[in-house]
Structure formats: C-alpha cells, structure tokens
Amino acid sequence: MKLWLVRHAQPLVEAGMCYGASDIAADPAATQQAAQGLAAVLPQGVCVVSSPLQRCEQLTEVLRGLRPDLTYRHDARLVEMDFGQWEGQRWDSIPRAELDGWTAAFDTWRCGSAESVADVMRRVGAVWDETRALQQPTVWITHAGVIRAATLLAQGQRQIRNASAWPKTAPAWGEWQQLDL
C-alpha cells in the first residue's frame, strides 16, 4: 500500500519567518501547478487527507476540481508544528538561548511555549496507524514537519531524542514522496 506525502505549494510569507501552524495562504499559480502534476499521477479512488490550514486546503480544492473521483477529508493532526510565541517572528530574531534549549531537549522542548517534537510525533503517529489500518492507498496533503515525522515512522521510529536524527530534507513546495506501508 502506498502513502503519498504531498507538501503544499510555496506559502505567501517572507523568507526566514517562523510560520508553522499559522494559517498562511500559498501561491495560487504554484498551487495550480502542483495540483495538476499530482492529479496526473494519482491512482483512481485514492483517499486524500488534508491538513485544514489554507495552504493545504488550497491544494486540496484545486485537486478536487481536477480529480472528483477521489475521496477527500481533513485531519487537524496533519497541521504543521505549532511554534507558539515564535510564530510570525523571523527565525534569526528568536533568542539563541531558546533555539539552543530546543536542540538540547529536542523531543520535549515546547517551542515558543507550544508544541514539542514528541507531541508532533504522537499526533502524526496516530494518523499513521489509522492510515495503515485502512489498507488503501492514501494521500496526505500536509507540511514539511509532518512529512519528516512520517519518514521517521516509516523507519519504525516513534521517538526522536536528538536534533541530529531529525530528517534534514522533505519534498520541495508542491512536490511529494511515496512510502510503502
């Protein structure tokens, strides 16, 4: 069974900003292009599960127009990590001590007093387990952090203690990867 992990198109936000769970729109032209590419390769009848944040919802809606044969639903557990007080700040303006604290306690540090990596792994792990139990090809339209968490889950890792073990790469905006479940 295949799981398609699709990253939303480029968000309309200044480079270098922390925006995690902020509800930021994506570039409409890039969203259209991503949806067209995805529509061309998805098999009939696949289930599409989307983060409810608008940058993912935009891609889902364009895909729905191109591929009405697919089934669609939202799952709030597929949202990007909530960086709390860091949201809307430039990464280079977040105090170095806070970033160092996160690196030192990577799994439990509550970024911006909000969510920890362990929290993200738990919620993505719950969706992962449900998806595997369905035993049908599925598409997640989501965010880089969720895709990185799913990559770890595919390797059997439910916890990650060190920042160095967090995947460095994710699909580019509007791109995807496939995992075998």
Protein backbone atom coordinates (compact mmCIF):
# COMPACT_ATOMS: atom_id res chain seq x y z
CA MET A 1 0.00 0.00 0.00
CA LYS A 2 1.27 3.47 -0.90
CA LEU A 3 1.18 6.64 1.17
CA TRP A 4 1.72 9.82 -0.84
CA LEU A 5 3.16 12.63 1.27
CA VAL A 6 2.43 15.91 -0.52
CA ARG A 7 3.80 19.25 0.61
CA HIS A 8 1.71 22.35 -0.03
CA ALA A 9 2.85 24.95 -2.56
CA GLN A 10 5.09 27.85 -1.55
CA PRO A 11 3.42 29.94 1.14
CA LEU A 12 2.94 33.67 0.77
CA VAL A 13 5.26 34.58 3.62
CA GLU A 14 8.57 36.38 3.85
CA ALA A 15 11.59 34.07 3.70
CA GLY A 16 13.09 33.35 7.11
CA MET A 17 9.79 33.63 9.00
CA CYS A 18 8.61 31.05 11.51
CA TYR A 19 5.03 30.26 10.48
CA GLY A 20 4.41 26.60 11.48
CA ALA A 21 0.75 26.34 12.47
CA SER A 22 -0.10 29.87 11.29
CA ASP A 23 -2.83 29.82 8.66
CA ILE A 24 -0.88 31.25 5.72
CA ALA A 25 -2.10 31.08 2.12
CA ALA A 26 0.00 29.56 -0.66
CA ASP A 27 0.87 30.99 -4.06
CA PRO A 28 -2.17 30.30 -6.30
CA ALA A 29 -0.20 29.65 -9.50
CA ALA A 30 2.18 27.26 -7.73
CA THR A 31 -0.80 25.53 -6.12
CA GLN A 32 -2.44 25.04 -9.52
CA GLN A 33 0.78 23.61 -10.96
CA ALA A 34 1.23 21.22 -8.02
CA ALA A 35 -2.38 20.02 -8.26
CA GLN A 36 -2.07 19.37 -12.00
CA GLY A 37 1.08 17.32 -11.51
CA LEU A 38 -0.46 15.35 -8.66
CA ALA A 39 -3.76 14.79 -10.49
CA ALA A 40 -1.86 13.22 -13.38
CA VAL A 41 -0.19 10.54 -11.26
CA LEU A 42 -2.67 9.55 -8.55
CA PRO A 43 -4.48 6.24 -9.00
CA GLN A 44 -8.28 6.04 -9.19
CA GLY A 45 -10.19 6.12 -5.91
CA VAL A 46 -7.32 7.10 -3.62
CA CYS A 47 -8.27 8.77 -0.33
CA VAL A 48 -6.93 12.32 0.13
CA VAL A 49 -6.48 13.54 3.70
CA SER A 50 -5.53 17.18 4.13
CA SER A 51 -4.32 19.49 6.82
CA PRO A 52 -7.05 22.11 7.34
CA LEU A 53 -4.56 25.00 7.08
CA GLN A 54 -5.36 27.07 3.99
CA ARG A 55 -2.06 26.42 2.21
CA CYS A 56 -3.01 22.72 2.16
CA GLU A 57 -6.72 23.33 1.70
CA GLN A 58 -5.99 25.37 -1.45
CA LEU A 59 -4.15 22.42 -2.99
CA THR A 60 -6.89 20.02 -1.91
CA GLU A 61 -9.61 22.16 -3.51
CA VAL A 62 -7.78 22.53 -6.83
CA LEU A 63 -7.10 18.77 -6.85
CA ARG A 64 -10.79 18.09 -6.09
CA GLY A 65 -11.73 20.11 -9.18
CA LEU A 66 -9.32 18.08 -11.31
CA ARG A 67 -10.00 14.68 -9.72
CA PRO A 68 -13.58 14.44 -8.41
CA ASP A 69 -13.21 10.62 -8.40
CA LEU A 70 -11.08 10.76 -5.26
CA THR A 71 -12.39 10.89 -1.70
CA TYR A 72 -11.46 13.86 0.49
CA ARG A 73 -11.37 14.68 4.17
CA HIS A 74 -9.49 16.90 6.62
CA ASP A 75 -7.50 15.86 9.65
CA ALA A 76 -6.25 18.52 12.07
CA ARG A 77 -3.49 16.16 13.20
CA LEU A 78 -1.74 16.81 9.87
CA VAL A 79 -1.08 20.51 10.64
CA GLU A 80 2.48 21.77 10.92
CA MET A 81 4.16 22.05 14.32
CA ASP A 82 2.79 24.85 16.48
CA PHE A 83 5.68 27.13 17.38
CA GLY A 84 3.56 29.25 19.75
CA GLN A 85 5.17 32.60 20.53
CA TRP A 86 7.73 32.05 17.78
CA GLU A 87 5.02 32.11 15.10
CA GLY A 88 5.29 35.20 12.91
CA GLN A 89 8.83 36.00 14.06
CA ARG A 90 11.95 35.80 11.96
CA TRP A 91 13.97 32.72 12.87
CA ASP A 92 17.03 34.93 13.33
CA SER A 93 15.16 37.06 15.91
CA ILE A 94 14.28 34.13 18.19
CA PRO A 95 16.68 34.25 21.16
CA ARG A 96 19.64 31.93 20.64
CA ALA A 97 19.15 30.50 24.14
CA GLU A 98 15.65 29.29 23.18
CA LEU A 99 16.87 27.63 19.98
CA ASP A 100 19.75 26.04 21.89
CA GLY A 101 17.29 24.81 24.51
CA TRP A 102 15.26 23.15 21.80
CA THR A 103 18.35 21.47 20.35
CA ALA A 104 19.42 20.25 23.80
CA ALA A 105 15.99 18.81 24.68
CA PHE A 106 14.78 18.21 21.14
CA ASP A 107 11.92 15.84 21.92
CA THR A 108 10.41 17.63 24.93
CA TRP A 109 11.17 21.35 24.40
CA ARG A 110 7.96 23.29 23.83
CA CYS A 111 8.86 25.63 21.00
CA GLY A 112 7.55 29.09 21.76
CA SER A 113 5.82 27.51 24.81
CA ALA A 114 3.56 25.50 22.49
CA GLU A 115 4.24 22.11 20.93
CA SER A 116 7.16 19.70 21.28
CA VAL A 117 8.56 17.29 18.72
CA ALA A 118 7.22 14.44 20.90
CA ASP A 119 3.73 15.98 20.59
CA VAL A 120 4.08 16.12 16.80
CA MET A 121 5.33 12.53 16.64
CA ARG A 122 2.38 11.32 18.76
CA ARG A 123 -0.31 13.04 16.68
CA VAL A 124 1.26 12.12 13.33
CA GLY A 125 1.79 8.58 14.65
CA ALA A 126 -1.93 8.29 15.41
CA VAL A 127 -2.83 9.25 11.82
CA TRP A 128 -0.10 6.92 10.56
CA ASP A 129 -1.59 3.98 12.49
CA GLU A 130 -5.10 4.72 11.23
CA THR A 131 -3.85 5.02 7.64
CA ARG A 132 -2.03 1.69 7.86
CA ALA A 133 -5.12 0.00 9.29
CA LEU A 134 -7.24 1.18 6.33
CA GLN A 135 -5.04 -0.78 3.91
CA GLN A 136 -5.80 1.51 0.98
CA PRO A 137 -3.64 3.94 -0.97
CA THR A 138 -3.78 7.33 0.74
CA VAL A 139 -2.55 10.86 0.08
CA TRP A 140 -1.65 13.29 2.85
CA ILE A 141 -1.58 16.93 1.78
CA THR A 142 0.46 18.41 4.56
CA HIS A 143 3.64 20.18 5.71
CA ALA A 144 7.38 19.50 5.81
CA GLY A 145 7.44 18.74 9.55
CA VAL A 146 4.64 16.17 9.23
CA ILE A 147 6.38 14.58 6.25
CA ARG A 148 9.62 14.35 8.22
CA ALA A 149 7.75 12.73 11.12
CA ALA A 150 6.13 10.23 8.74
CA THR A 151 9.55 9.41 7.30
CA LEU A 152 10.73 8.51 10.79
CA LEU A 153 7.57 6.46 11.44
CA ALA A 154 8.24 4.51 8.22
CA GLN A 155 11.62 3.61 9.71
CA GLY A 156 9.95 2.37 12.90
CA GLN A 157 10.93 5.39 14.99
CA ARG A 158 8.21 6.72 17.28
CA GLN A 159 10.51 8.91 19.38
CA ILE A 160 13.38 11.13 18.43
CA ARG A 161 15.60 12.46 21.16
CA ASN A 162 18.35 14.23 19.22
CA ALA A 163 18.01 17.06 16.74
CA SER A 164 20.72 15.43 14.61
CA ALA A 165 18.38 12.47 13.95
CA TRP A 166 15.55 14.66 12.57
CA PRO A 167 15.37 14.27 8.77
CA LYS A 168 17.09 17.17 7.04
CA THR A 169 15.10 17.01 3.83
CA ALA A 170 11.47 16.99 2.79
CA PRO A 171 9.87 17.37 -0.62
CA ALA A 172 10.09 20.87 -2.08
CA TRP A 173 6.95 23.00 -2.06
CA GLY A 174 4.28 21.40 -4.23
CA GLU A 175 6.24 18.12 -4.51
CA TRP A 176 5.67 14.71 -2.95
CA GLN A 177 7.22 11.44 -1.98
CA GLN A 178 5.78 7.96 -1.66
CA LEU A 179 6.19 5.49 1.17
CA ASP A 180 5.27 1.81 1.17
CA LEU A 181 3.24 0.89 4.24
